[in-house]
Amino acid sequence: MPIPSRRRRLYFQRFLRFFLPVFGAPAGADSTPPEYSAGEEGDESNLVVAVTFDEAIESGTADYLSGVTIKRNGVSVTPASAALQPSERVVFYTLSSGDEADADDEVTWEYSDTLGDIADLAGNQMADVAAQAVTNNVGEHLRFDHPANSMQLATLGVL
């Protein structure tokens, strides 16, 4: 029975992860793993945490949730879904209803490479990422879809 292409790619990525440190990368090959670049919440909606990476990424299993921990005020929240955007550099993590951030909440994103499967297009596995602060934009936009957004207008004297 043939191995499905997604699983084959996963096996190849794991092979490279162990092969390259021992024998070295071929000349001119990409051997730099992807890195966390930035994160923000509140631009798309109060339920979406957008995480940007320094280069295009992929997951051999198409699972961008495994290995990811998002915390609001130090308490883990469980994302309902994760979607790689067309640029392949941004993942939208959609939080469950009730887990959205308020304007004064501290939100962090972290990643464990032993649990996750995020790699760049050359197969370089992303390393562990300690908790990184996510820019909280809740209340920064004039949307009226959250009390914090309306409250900002009230404090500015617009309402």
Protein backbone atom coordinates (compact mmCIF):
# COMPACT_ATOMS: atom_id res chain seq x y z
CA MET A 1 0.00 0.00 0.00
CA PRO A 2 1.56 3.35 -1.02
CA ILE A 3 2.27 5.98 1.61
CA PRO A 4 0.01 9.08 1.25
CA SER A 5 1.89 12.14 0.01
CA ARG A 6 1.26 14.12 3.21
CA ARG A 7 2.76 11.36 5.34
CA ARG A 8 5.64 10.95 2.86
CA ARG A 9 6.43 14.68 3.21
CA LEU A 10 6.31 14.36 7.02
CA TYR A 11 8.73 11.40 6.91
CA PHE A 12 11.03 13.36 4.59
CA GLN A 13 10.97 16.42 6.89
CA ARG A 14 11.84 14.25 9.89
CA PHE A 15 14.58 12.50 7.90
CA LEU A 16 16.10 15.88 7.02
CA ARG A 17 15.87 17.04 10.62
CA PHE A 18 18.17 14.18 11.66
CA PHE A 19 20.25 13.89 8.47
CA LEU A 20 21.34 17.54 8.11
CA PRO A 21 22.94 17.96 11.56
CA VAL A 22 25.08 14.85 10.94
CA PHE A 23 26.13 15.33 7.31
CA GLY A 24 25.47 19.03 6.73
CA ALA A 25 23.30 20.73 4.17
CA PRO A 26 24.21 20.77 0.47
CA ALA A 27 25.82 24.00 -0.71
CA GLY A 28 23.24 26.73 -1.22
CA ALA A 29 20.46 24.81 0.55
CA ASP A 30 18.10 26.52 2.98
CA SER A 31 19.05 25.22 6.40
CA THR A 32 17.51 28.02 8.50
CA PRO A 33 14.32 27.07 10.34
CA PRO A 34 11.34 29.44 10.34
CA GLU A 35 10.94 31.83 13.27
CA TYR A 36 8.08 33.62 14.97
CA SER A 37 7.98 37.19 13.72
CA ALA A 38 4.91 38.87 15.27
CA GLY A 39 1.45 38.26 16.65
CA GLU A 40 -1.62 40.42 17.06
CA GLU A 41 -5.21 40.10 18.14
CA GLY A 42 -8.14 42.36 17.39
CA ASP A 43 -7.34 43.35 13.80
CA GLU A 44 -9.46 40.61 12.22
CA SER A 45 -11.76 40.18 15.23
CA ASN A 46 -11.48 39.78 18.98
CA LEU A 47 -11.49 36.01 18.47
CA VAL A 48 -8.57 35.85 15.99
CA VAL A 49 -4.89 35.76 16.92
CA ALA A 50 -2.82 36.36 13.77
CA VAL A 51 0.74 35.00 13.98
CA THR A 52 3.33 35.98 11.37
CA PHE A 53 6.48 33.98 10.59
CA ASP A 54 9.69 35.21 8.97
CA GLU A 55 9.25 32.93 5.93
CA ALA A 56 6.64 30.71 4.28
CA ILE A 57 5.68 27.70 6.39
CA GLU A 58 3.86 24.40 6.01
CA SER A 59 2.84 21.46 8.15
CA GLY A 60 3.22 17.91 6.92
CA THR A 61 -0.10 17.11 8.59
CA ALA A 62 -1.82 20.45 7.80
CA ASP A 63 -2.20 20.89 11.56
CA TYR A 64 -1.12 24.30 12.84
CA LEU A 65 -2.69 23.80 16.29
CA SER A 66 -0.42 21.04 17.60
CA GLY A 67 2.36 22.40 19.77
CA VAL A 68 0.76 25.86 20.03
CA THR A 69 -0.27 27.40 23.35
CA ILE A 70 -2.15 30.68 23.51
CA LYS A 71 -2.64 32.30 26.89
CA ARG A 72 -4.81 35.19 27.99
CA ASN A 73 -3.62 36.75 31.25
CA GLY A 74 -1.49 33.64 31.92
CA VAL A 75 -4.36 31.15 31.46
CA SER A 76 -4.37 28.80 28.45
CA VAL A 77 -7.19 29.22 25.97
CA THR A 78 -7.96 26.59 23.38
CA PRO A 79 -8.09 27.74 19.76
CA ALA A 80 -11.04 26.29 17.87
CA SER A 81 -9.13 26.29 14.58
CA ALA A 82 -5.99 27.42 12.79
CA ALA A 83 -5.81 28.45 9.15
CA LEU A 84 -2.71 29.13 7.07
CA GLN A 85 -3.31 32.26 5.00
CA PRO A 86 -2.51 32.49 1.25
CA SER A 87 0.81 34.26 1.94
CA GLU A 88 1.93 31.06 3.76
CA ARG A 89 3.57 33.35 6.38
CA VAL A 90 0.50 34.04 8.55
CA VAL A 91 -1.69 31.67 10.55
CA PHE A 92 -5.05 32.80 11.95
CA TYR A 93 -5.84 31.08 15.26
CA THR A 94 -9.57 31.42 15.94
CA LEU A 95 -10.40 31.25 19.65
CA SER A 96 -13.55 29.71 21.05
CA SER A 97 -16.42 32.05 21.90
CA GLY A 98 -15.87 33.42 25.39
CA ASP A 99 -12.07 33.29 25.04
CA GLU A 100 -11.75 36.59 23.16
CA ALA A 101 -9.48 39.20 24.66
CA ASP A 102 -10.53 42.48 26.18
CA ALA A 103 -8.57 45.68 25.56
CA ASP A 104 -6.48 45.32 28.73
CA ASP A 105 -5.72 41.57 28.46
CA GLU A 106 -2.19 40.25 28.00
CA VAL A 107 -2.08 37.60 25.26
CA THR A 108 0.90 35.32 24.53
CA TRP A 109 1.71 32.67 21.88
CA GLU A 110 4.23 29.84 22.33
CA TYR A 111 5.24 26.74 20.40
CA SER A 112 6.73 23.33 21.24
CA ASP A 113 8.56 21.64 18.36
CA THR A 114 8.22 18.19 19.95
CA LEU A 115 4.42 18.48 19.78
CA GLY A 116 4.10 20.56 16.61
CA ASP A 117 4.88 20.03 12.96
CA ILE A 118 5.53 23.53 11.58
CA ALA A 119 8.42 23.74 9.12
CA ASP A 120 9.55 25.98 6.27
CA LEU A 121 9.14 24.92 2.65
CA ALA A 122 12.63 23.37 2.68
CA GLY A 123 11.61 21.07 5.54
CA ASN A 124 13.48 22.86 8.35
CA GLN A 125 11.50 22.19 11.53
CA MET A 126 10.61 25.26 13.59
CA ALA A 127 12.32 25.30 17.00
CA ASP A 128 10.65 25.90 20.37
CA VAL A 129 9.32 29.42 20.84
CA ALA A 130 9.04 30.70 24.41
CA ALA A 131 5.92 32.73 25.23
CA GLN A 132 5.84 35.79 22.97
CA ALA A 133 3.62 38.81 23.63
CA VAL A 134 0.82 39.27 21.11
CA THR A 135 -0.09 42.86 20.29
CA ASN A 136 -3.58 43.44 21.62
CA ASN A 137 -5.49 45.74 19.23
CA VAL A 138 -8.89 45.21 20.87
CA GLY A 139 -10.54 48.61 21.21
CA GLU A 140 -8.15 50.24 18.75
CA HIS A 141 -10.55 50.17 15.80
CA LEU A 142 -13.95 51.72 15.23
CA ARG A 143 -15.89 48.51 14.73
CA PHE A 144 -18.74 48.44 17.30
CA ASP A 145 -18.56 44.62 17.45
CA HIS A 146 -17.20 44.58 21.00
CA PRO A 147 -17.91 46.75 24.06
CA ALA A 148 -14.24 47.80 24.26
CA ASN A 149 -14.48 49.34 20.78
CA SER A 150 -17.60 51.32 21.68
CA MET A 151 -16.07 52.34 25.03
CA GLN A 152 -13.09 53.86 23.24
CA LEU A 153 -15.46 56.17 21.37
CA ALA A 154 -17.14 57.13 24.62
CA THR A 155 -13.83 58.03 26.29
CA LEU A 156 -12.80 60.07 23.25
CA GLY A 157 -16.03 62.05 23.57
CA VAL A 158 -17.38 60.86 20.22
CA LEU A 159 -20.44 59.16 21.79
